[in-house]
N, C-alpha and C. Protein backbone atom coordinates (compact mmCIF):
# COMPACT_ATOMS: atom_id res chain seq x y z
N MET A 1 14.42 -44.81 -58.88
CA MET A 1 13.87 -45.27 -57.61
C MET A 1 12.47 -45.83 -57.89
N PRO A 2 12.21 -47.06 -57.47
CA PRO A 2 10.89 -47.65 -57.74
C PRO A 2 9.78 -46.94 -56.97
N LYS A 3 8.63 -46.88 -57.61
CA LYS A 3 7.43 -46.34 -56.96
C LYS A 3 6.57 -47.52 -56.53
N ILE A 4 6.14 -47.50 -55.28
CA ILE A 4 5.23 -48.50 -54.74
C ILE A 4 3.93 -47.78 -54.41
N ILE A 5 2.82 -48.39 -54.77
CA ILE A 5 1.51 -47.78 -54.53
C ILE A 5 0.80 -48.57 -53.44
N TYR A 6 0.52 -47.88 -52.34
CA TYR A 6 -0.20 -48.47 -51.21
C TYR A 6 -1.64 -47.98 -51.30
N VAL A 7 -2.60 -48.90 -51.21
CA VAL A 7 -4.01 -48.54 -51.33
C VAL A 7 -4.72 -48.85 -50.02
N ASP A 8 -5.27 -47.80 -49.40
CA ASP A 8 -6.04 -47.95 -48.17
C ASP A 8 -7.33 -48.72 -48.46
N PRO A 9 -7.95 -49.29 -47.42
CA PRO A 9 -9.23 -49.98 -47.61
C PRO A 9 -10.31 -49.10 -48.25
N ASP A 10 -10.22 -47.76 -48.03
CA ASP A 10 -11.22 -46.85 -48.62
C ASP A 10 -10.87 -46.44 -50.05
N GLY A 11 -9.75 -46.96 -50.58
CA GLY A 11 -9.35 -46.65 -51.95
C GLY A 11 -8.33 -45.54 -52.09
N THR A 12 -8.01 -44.84 -51.01
CA THR A 12 -6.99 -43.79 -51.05
C THR A 12 -5.65 -44.41 -51.43
N ARG A 13 -4.98 -43.78 -52.38
CA ARG A 13 -3.69 -44.28 -52.85
C ARG A 13 -2.55 -43.42 -52.33
N HIS A 14 -1.47 -44.07 -51.94
CA HIS A 14 -0.24 -43.41 -51.50
C HIS A 14 0.87 -43.90 -52.41
N VAL A 15 1.42 -43.02 -53.22
CA VAL A 15 2.52 -43.38 -54.11
C VAL A 15 3.81 -42.99 -53.41
N VAL A 16 4.68 -43.99 -53.19
CA VAL A 16 5.89 -43.79 -52.40
C VAL A 16 7.11 -44.14 -53.25
N ASP A 17 8.10 -43.26 -53.24
CA ASP A 17 9.40 -43.58 -53.83
C ASP A 17 10.16 -44.40 -52.80
N ALA A 18 10.46 -45.65 -53.15
CA ALA A 18 11.12 -46.56 -52.23
C ALA A 18 12.55 -46.82 -52.71
N PRO A 19 13.54 -46.36 -51.97
CA PRO A 19 14.91 -46.59 -52.40
C PRO A 19 15.22 -48.07 -52.56
N ASP A 20 16.00 -48.40 -53.59
CA ASP A 20 16.42 -49.78 -53.79
C ASP A 20 16.99 -50.35 -52.49
N GLY A 21 16.61 -51.58 -52.17
CA GLY A 21 17.12 -52.25 -50.98
C GLY A 21 16.32 -51.99 -49.72
N THR A 22 15.35 -51.08 -49.79
CA THR A 22 14.51 -50.77 -48.64
C THR A 22 13.31 -51.72 -48.65
N SER A 23 12.92 -52.20 -47.48
CA SER A 23 11.73 -53.05 -47.46
C SER A 23 10.50 -52.19 -47.71
N LEU A 24 9.46 -52.81 -48.24
CA LEU A 24 8.22 -52.07 -48.48
C LEU A 24 7.63 -51.58 -47.16
N MET A 25 7.87 -52.29 -46.07
CA MET A 25 7.43 -51.84 -44.75
C MET A 25 8.17 -50.57 -44.35
N GLN A 26 9.48 -50.54 -44.49
CA GLN A 26 10.27 -49.36 -44.14
C GLN A 26 9.85 -48.16 -44.98
N ALA A 27 9.63 -48.37 -46.26
CA ALA A 27 9.22 -47.27 -47.14
C ALA A 27 7.86 -46.72 -46.72
N ALA A 28 6.93 -47.60 -46.35
CA ALA A 28 5.60 -47.15 -45.92
C ALA A 28 5.69 -46.35 -44.62
N VAL A 29 6.41 -46.87 -43.65
CA VAL A 29 6.52 -46.20 -42.35
C VAL A 29 7.22 -44.84 -42.52
N ALA A 30 8.29 -44.80 -43.30
CA ALA A 30 9.04 -43.55 -43.51
C ALA A 30 8.21 -42.49 -44.21
N ASN A 31 7.19 -42.92 -44.95
CA ASN A 31 6.36 -41.99 -45.71
C ASN A 31 4.97 -41.80 -45.12
N GLY A 32 4.78 -42.24 -43.88
CA GLY A 32 3.53 -41.99 -43.17
C GLY A 32 2.32 -42.76 -43.68
N VAL A 33 2.54 -43.90 -44.29
CA VAL A 33 1.42 -44.74 -44.72
C VAL A 33 0.88 -45.41 -43.45
N GLU A 34 -0.25 -44.95 -42.98
CA GLU A 34 -0.75 -45.36 -41.67
C GLU A 34 -1.20 -46.81 -41.59
N GLY A 35 -1.48 -47.45 -42.68
CA GLY A 35 -1.95 -48.84 -42.65
C GLY A 35 -0.86 -49.87 -42.46
N VAL A 36 0.39 -49.44 -42.37
CA VAL A 36 1.51 -50.35 -42.15
C VAL A 36 2.18 -49.93 -40.84
N LEU A 37 2.19 -50.85 -39.86
CA LEU A 37 2.76 -50.52 -38.56
C LEU A 37 4.21 -50.95 -38.41
N GLY A 38 4.50 -52.20 -38.73
CA GLY A 38 5.87 -52.70 -38.62
C GLY A 38 6.40 -52.66 -37.21
N GLU A 39 5.61 -53.14 -36.25
CA GLU A 39 5.98 -53.05 -34.84
C GLU A 39 7.27 -53.78 -34.49
N CYS A 40 7.62 -54.84 -35.20
CA CYS A 40 8.84 -55.59 -34.87
C CYS A 40 10.05 -55.05 -35.62
N GLY A 41 9.87 -54.03 -36.44
CA GLY A 41 10.98 -53.42 -37.14
C GLY A 41 11.45 -54.19 -38.37
N GLY A 42 10.71 -55.17 -38.79
CA GLY A 42 11.06 -55.89 -40.00
C GLY A 42 11.64 -57.26 -39.79
N SER A 43 11.41 -57.84 -38.63
CA SER A 43 11.96 -59.15 -38.30
C SER A 43 11.03 -60.31 -38.60
N ALA A 44 9.91 -60.04 -39.25
CA ALA A 44 8.90 -61.08 -39.54
C ALA A 44 8.43 -61.75 -38.25
N MET A 45 8.20 -60.91 -37.22
CA MET A 45 7.81 -61.44 -35.91
C MET A 45 6.45 -60.93 -35.42
N CYS A 46 5.77 -60.05 -36.20
CA CYS A 46 4.54 -59.47 -35.64
C CYS A 46 3.37 -59.42 -36.62
N ALA A 47 3.60 -59.49 -37.89
CA ALA A 47 2.56 -59.46 -38.93
C ALA A 47 1.79 -58.14 -38.99
N THR A 48 2.34 -57.05 -38.44
CA THR A 48 1.66 -55.76 -38.50
C THR A 48 2.04 -54.96 -39.75
N CYS A 49 2.65 -55.64 -40.70
CA CYS A 49 2.96 -55.01 -42.00
C CYS A 49 2.31 -55.81 -43.13
N HIS A 50 1.28 -56.54 -42.77
CA HIS A 50 0.53 -57.38 -43.71
C HIS A 50 -0.04 -56.53 -44.84
N VAL A 51 0.12 -56.99 -46.07
CA VAL A 51 -0.46 -56.35 -47.24
C VAL A 51 -1.00 -57.43 -48.17
N TYR A 52 -1.82 -57.00 -49.11
CA TYR A 52 -2.34 -57.88 -50.15
C TYR A 52 -1.75 -57.44 -51.48
N VAL A 53 -1.10 -58.36 -52.18
CA VAL A 53 -0.48 -58.08 -53.47
C VAL A 53 -1.33 -58.73 -54.56
N ASP A 54 -1.56 -58.01 -55.63
CA ASP A 54 -2.33 -58.55 -56.75
C ASP A 54 -1.68 -59.86 -57.21
N PRO A 55 -2.44 -60.94 -57.28
CA PRO A 55 -1.87 -62.22 -57.71
C PRO A 55 -1.16 -62.14 -59.07
N ALA A 56 -1.57 -61.22 -59.92
CA ALA A 56 -0.90 -61.06 -61.22
C ALA A 56 0.55 -60.60 -61.05
N ASP A 57 0.86 -59.99 -59.91
CA ASP A 57 2.22 -59.53 -59.64
C ASP A 57 3.05 -60.54 -58.86
N GLY A 58 2.46 -61.68 -58.54
CA GLY A 58 3.16 -62.68 -57.75
C GLY A 58 4.49 -63.11 -58.33
N GLY A 59 4.60 -63.15 -59.63
CA GLY A 59 5.84 -63.55 -60.28
C GLY A 59 6.96 -62.55 -60.10
N ARG A 60 6.63 -61.35 -59.70
CA ARG A 60 7.66 -60.32 -59.47
C ARG A 60 8.23 -60.38 -58.06
N LEU A 61 7.64 -61.19 -57.20
CA LEU A 61 8.03 -61.22 -55.79
C LEU A 61 8.87 -62.45 -55.47
N PRO A 62 9.70 -62.34 -54.42
CA PRO A 62 10.43 -63.54 -53.99
C PRO A 62 9.44 -64.55 -53.42
N GLU A 63 9.85 -65.80 -53.39
CA GLU A 63 8.99 -66.83 -52.83
C GLU A 63 8.74 -66.57 -51.35
N LEU A 64 7.61 -67.04 -50.90
CA LEU A 64 7.24 -66.93 -49.49
C LEU A 64 8.16 -67.83 -48.66
N GLY A 65 8.83 -67.23 -47.68
CA GLY A 65 9.71 -68.01 -46.80
C GLY A 65 8.91 -68.64 -45.66
N ALA A 66 9.52 -69.60 -44.99
CA ALA A 66 8.85 -70.34 -43.91
C ALA A 66 8.43 -69.41 -42.77
N ASP A 67 9.30 -68.48 -42.36
CA ASP A 67 8.97 -67.56 -41.26
C ASP A 67 7.81 -66.66 -41.65
N GLU A 68 7.85 -66.12 -42.87
CA GLU A 68 6.77 -65.27 -43.34
C GLU A 68 5.46 -66.05 -43.41
N ASP A 69 5.52 -67.24 -43.94
CA ASP A 69 4.34 -68.09 -44.05
C ASP A 69 3.71 -68.33 -42.68
N GLU A 70 4.52 -68.62 -41.70
CA GLU A 70 4.02 -68.85 -40.34
C GLU A 70 3.39 -67.59 -39.75
N MET A 71 4.03 -66.43 -39.93
CA MET A 71 3.49 -65.18 -39.38
C MET A 71 2.20 -64.77 -40.07
N LEU A 72 2.03 -65.10 -41.33
CA LEU A 72 0.80 -64.74 -42.03
C LEU A 72 -0.42 -65.46 -41.44
N ASP A 73 -0.19 -66.51 -40.68
CA ASP A 73 -1.30 -67.17 -39.98
C ASP A 73 -1.76 -66.37 -38.76
N SER A 74 -1.02 -65.30 -38.42
CA SER A 74 -1.32 -64.49 -37.23
C SER A 74 -1.80 -63.09 -37.57
N THR A 75 -2.20 -62.85 -38.78
CA THR A 75 -2.62 -61.50 -39.16
C THR A 75 -3.97 -61.15 -38.56
N ALA A 76 -4.16 -59.86 -38.30
CA ALA A 76 -5.43 -59.39 -37.73
C ALA A 76 -6.56 -59.46 -38.76
N SER A 77 -6.24 -59.13 -40.01
CA SER A 77 -7.21 -59.25 -41.10
C SER A 77 -7.00 -60.60 -41.77
N PRO A 78 -8.00 -61.13 -42.41
CA PRO A 78 -7.89 -62.47 -42.98
C PRO A 78 -6.72 -62.63 -43.95
N ARG A 79 -6.05 -63.75 -43.80
CA ARG A 79 -5.00 -64.12 -44.75
C ARG A 79 -5.66 -64.63 -46.02
N THR A 80 -5.10 -64.24 -47.16
CA THR A 80 -5.56 -64.75 -48.45
C THR A 80 -4.34 -65.22 -49.24
N THR A 81 -4.57 -65.73 -50.42
CA THR A 81 -3.45 -66.14 -51.27
C THR A 81 -2.62 -64.94 -51.72
N ALA A 82 -3.16 -63.73 -51.57
CA ALA A 82 -2.46 -62.51 -51.95
C ALA A 82 -1.69 -61.89 -50.78
N SER A 83 -1.76 -62.48 -49.60
CA SER A 83 -1.13 -61.92 -48.40
C SER A 83 0.38 -62.06 -48.43
N ARG A 84 1.04 -60.98 -48.04
CA ARG A 84 2.49 -60.98 -47.84
C ARG A 84 2.80 -60.04 -46.68
N LEU A 85 3.99 -60.20 -46.10
CA LEU A 85 4.49 -59.25 -45.11
C LEU A 85 5.37 -58.26 -45.86
N SER A 86 5.04 -56.98 -45.76
CA SER A 86 5.80 -55.99 -46.52
C SER A 86 7.24 -55.86 -46.04
N CYS A 87 7.54 -56.33 -44.84
CA CYS A 87 8.92 -56.30 -44.35
C CYS A 87 9.79 -57.32 -45.08
N GLN A 88 9.18 -58.27 -45.75
CA GLN A 88 9.91 -59.31 -46.46
C GLN A 88 10.02 -59.04 -47.96
N LEU A 89 9.53 -57.89 -48.38
CA LEU A 89 9.58 -57.51 -49.80
C LEU A 89 10.52 -56.32 -49.94
N THR A 90 11.53 -56.46 -50.77
CA THR A 90 12.56 -55.43 -50.92
C THR A 90 12.35 -54.65 -52.21
N ALA A 91 12.36 -53.34 -52.09
CA ALA A 91 12.17 -52.47 -53.25
C ALA A 91 13.32 -52.65 -54.24
N SER A 92 12.94 -52.73 -55.50
CA SER A 92 13.91 -52.80 -56.60
C SER A 92 13.18 -52.35 -57.85
N GLU A 93 13.92 -52.09 -58.90
CA GLU A 93 13.30 -51.67 -60.16
C GLU A 93 12.32 -52.74 -60.66
N ASP A 94 12.53 -54.00 -60.30
CA ASP A 94 11.61 -55.08 -60.69
C ASP A 94 10.23 -54.89 -60.09
N LEU A 95 10.15 -54.14 -58.98
CA LEU A 95 8.86 -53.92 -58.31
C LEU A 95 8.28 -52.55 -58.60
N ASP A 96 8.90 -51.78 -59.49
CA ASP A 96 8.38 -50.46 -59.81
C ASP A 96 6.93 -50.55 -60.25
N GLY A 97 6.08 -49.75 -59.61
CA GLY A 97 4.65 -49.73 -59.94
C GLY A 97 3.82 -50.77 -59.22
N LEU A 98 4.44 -51.54 -58.33
CA LEU A 98 3.72 -52.57 -57.58
C LEU A 98 2.62 -51.92 -56.74
N VAL A 99 1.45 -52.51 -56.77
CA VAL A 99 0.32 -52.05 -55.97
C VAL A 99 0.09 -53.04 -54.84
N VAL A 100 0.09 -52.52 -53.62
CA VAL A 100 -0.24 -53.35 -52.46
C VAL A 100 -1.45 -52.75 -51.77
N ARG A 101 -2.38 -53.58 -51.43
CA ARG A 101 -3.60 -53.14 -50.74
C ARG A 101 -3.43 -53.39 -49.26
N LEU A 102 -3.87 -52.42 -48.47
CA LEU A 102 -3.74 -52.51 -47.02
C LEU A 102 -4.97 -53.15 -46.42
N PRO A 103 -4.80 -53.98 -45.40
CA PRO A 103 -5.94 -54.62 -44.77
C PRO A 103 -6.73 -53.64 -43.89
N GLU A 104 -7.92 -54.05 -43.52
CA GLU A 104 -8.77 -53.23 -42.66
C GLU A 104 -8.11 -52.95 -41.31
N GLU A 105 -7.42 -53.94 -40.76
CA GLU A 105 -6.75 -53.75 -39.46
C GLU A 105 -5.45 -54.54 -39.42
N GLN A 106 -4.53 -54.06 -38.58
CA GLN A 106 -3.24 -54.73 -38.43
C GLN A 106 -3.07 -55.36 -37.04
N ILE A 107 -3.77 -54.83 -36.05
CA ILE A 107 -3.63 -55.40 -34.70
C ILE A 107 -4.99 -55.62 -34.09
């Protein structure tokens, strides 16, 4: 089971076992990671699961889709080149050890 590391703005780390096929948003919510809200349930409709992924890990992620790209323009914290919606990232062994940083605010 891949481990995903969520890092709060204050540096607190949450290491979560994310079952294969589970979105990073679902894994965060199920494990009480407070910086990920996922208000739309994973439909890429609210941007409350915004995270920052280290650009060095970009090659491990699927390409940014049009819906995700559009929603990232609506994030509460600034969008950067490292921004992704965690609902659009699916846990797999390829993502084991992935570190995602949580924004200061989601709404």
